[in-house]
Amino acid sequence: MKICFPVEQSEGMQSKVYGHFGSAPVFLLVDTELQSVSEIVNRDLHHQHGACSPLKALGGASADAIVVGGIGAGALMKLQEAGIQVYRAGAHTVGDNVKLMQQ
């Protein structure tokens, strides 16, 4: 499974999940099968309020799920329409959220 996390700073599995999807400077993509972590720079960081393009933000990277601290309704709907599951973070770090997803 590929799980995407918005983060302020890329610190691997110790990265803290950012409070809002659209304004996160970086996304971490965790592949639980390959046990790998890759970094994606937010390509839609400077969008107008309410005009987030989440698929543009991810730069074409594919994800099965996104775990967020918060997300606007428009971005949420666009991700769901693209078949991506969106979850609210249940822990502070990427690693702890991955563990929660695997339970």
Protein backbone atom coordinates (compact mmCIF):
# COMPACT_ATOMS: atom_id res chain seq x y z
CA MET A 1 0.00 0.00 0.00
CA LYS A 2 1.21 3.51 -0.82
CA ILE A 3 0.28 6.03 1.88
CA CYS A 4 0.88 9.75 1.43
CA PHE A 5 1.45 12.17 4.31
CA PRO A 6 1.62 15.98 4.15
CA VAL A 7 4.58 17.15 6.25
CA GLU A 8 6.36 20.43 6.94
CA GLN A 9 9.83 18.88 7.01
CA SER A 10 11.00 15.60 5.57
CA GLU A 11 12.40 13.61 8.49
CA GLY A 12 11.47 10.13 7.31
CA MET A 13 9.19 8.11 9.55
CA GLN A 14 9.76 10.65 12.36
CA SER A 15 8.18 13.45 10.28
CA LYS A 16 5.22 15.14 11.90
CA VAL A 17 1.96 15.10 9.94
CA TYR A 18 1.18 18.66 8.81
CA GLY A 19 -2.05 20.33 9.89
CA HIS A 20 -3.41 21.05 6.41
CA PHE A 21 -3.01 19.09 3.19
CA GLY A 22 -2.96 21.92 0.65
CA SER A 23 -0.39 24.10 2.39
CA ALA A 24 2.09 21.34 3.27
CA PRO A 25 5.46 22.07 1.66
CA VAL A 26 6.29 18.36 1.23
CA PHE A 27 4.53 15.02 1.03
CA LEU A 28 6.07 11.72 2.08
CA LEU A 29 4.99 8.64 0.19
CA VAL A 30 5.40 5.47 2.23
CA ASP A 31 5.27 2.18 0.35
CA THR A 32 4.45 -0.40 3.02
CA GLU A 33 5.21 -3.34 0.72
CA LEU A 34 8.66 -2.13 -0.33
CA GLN A 35 9.25 -0.47 3.06
CA SER A 36 10.42 2.69 1.32
CA VAL A 37 9.86 6.41 1.81
CA SER A 38 10.04 8.99 -0.96
CA GLU A 39 9.61 12.75 -0.91
CA ILE A 40 7.32 14.81 -3.13
CA VAL A 41 7.53 18.61 -3.21
CA ASN A 42 4.05 20.19 -3.19
CA ARG A 43 3.60 21.39 -6.78
CA ASP A 44 0.44 23.35 -5.89
CA LEU A 45 1.67 25.04 -2.72
CA HIS A 46 0.81 28.59 -3.76
CA HIS A 47 -2.77 28.02 -4.89
CA GLN A 48 -5.58 30.43 -4.10
CA HIS A 49 -7.66 29.68 -1.01
CA GLY A 50 -10.27 27.05 -1.86
CA ALA A 51 -8.63 26.17 -5.18
CA CYS A 52 -6.34 23.33 -4.14
CA SER A 53 -5.55 20.82 -6.87
CA PRO A 54 -4.46 17.76 -4.89
CA LEU A 55 -3.43 15.67 -7.88
CA LYS A 56 -1.28 18.54 -9.16
CA ALA A 57 0.17 18.90 -5.65
CA LEU A 58 1.25 15.26 -5.74
CA GLY A 59 2.94 15.76 -9.10
CA GLY A 60 1.45 12.63 -10.65
CA ALA A 61 2.57 10.31 -7.86
CA SER A 62 0.07 7.58 -7.13
CA ALA A 63 -1.19 6.85 -3.64
CA ASP A 64 -3.76 4.43 -2.27
CA ALA A 65 -4.43 6.57 0.80
CA ILE A 66 -3.64 9.96 2.25
CA VAL A 67 -3.40 10.60 5.98
CA VAL A 68 -3.94 14.24 6.91
CA GLY A 69 -4.14 16.51 9.91
CA GLY A 70 -6.75 18.56 8.06
CA ILE A 71 -8.07 19.06 4.54
CA GLY A 72 -10.52 21.33 2.74
CA ALA A 73 -13.77 19.97 1.36
CA GLY A 74 -12.81 20.61 -2.27
CA ALA A 75 -9.49 18.79 -2.03
CA LEU A 76 -11.15 15.93 -0.14
CA MET A 77 -13.78 15.49 -2.87
CA LYS A 78 -11.16 15.57 -5.66
CA LEU A 79 -9.06 12.92 -3.95
CA GLN A 80 -12.07 10.69 -3.33
CA GLU A 81 -13.17 11.10 -6.96
CA ALA A 82 -9.70 9.90 -7.97
CA GLY A 83 -10.21 6.76 -5.85
CA ILE A 84 -7.84 7.79 -3.07
CA GLN A 85 -8.94 7.06 0.49
CA VAL A 86 -8.43 9.95 2.91
CA TYR A 87 -7.94 9.41 6.64
CA ARG A 88 -7.47 11.78 9.57
CA ALA A 89 -4.16 11.28 11.32
CA GLY A 90 -4.49 9.36 14.57
CA ALA A 91 -0.94 10.06 15.73
CA HIS A 92 1.67 12.81 15.38
CA THR A 93 4.35 11.09 13.29
CA VAL A 94 4.29 9.36 9.92
CA GLY A 95 5.68 6.15 11.46
CA ASP A 96 3.06 5.98 14.18
CA ASN A 97 0.28 6.55 11.63
CA VAL A 98 1.66 3.78 9.40
CA LYS A 99 1.50 1.42 12.39
CA LEU A 100 -2.13 2.44 13.00
CA MET A 101 -2.98 1.78 9.33
CA GLN A 102 -1.46 -1.70 9.54
CA GLN A 103 -3.46 -2.81 12.58
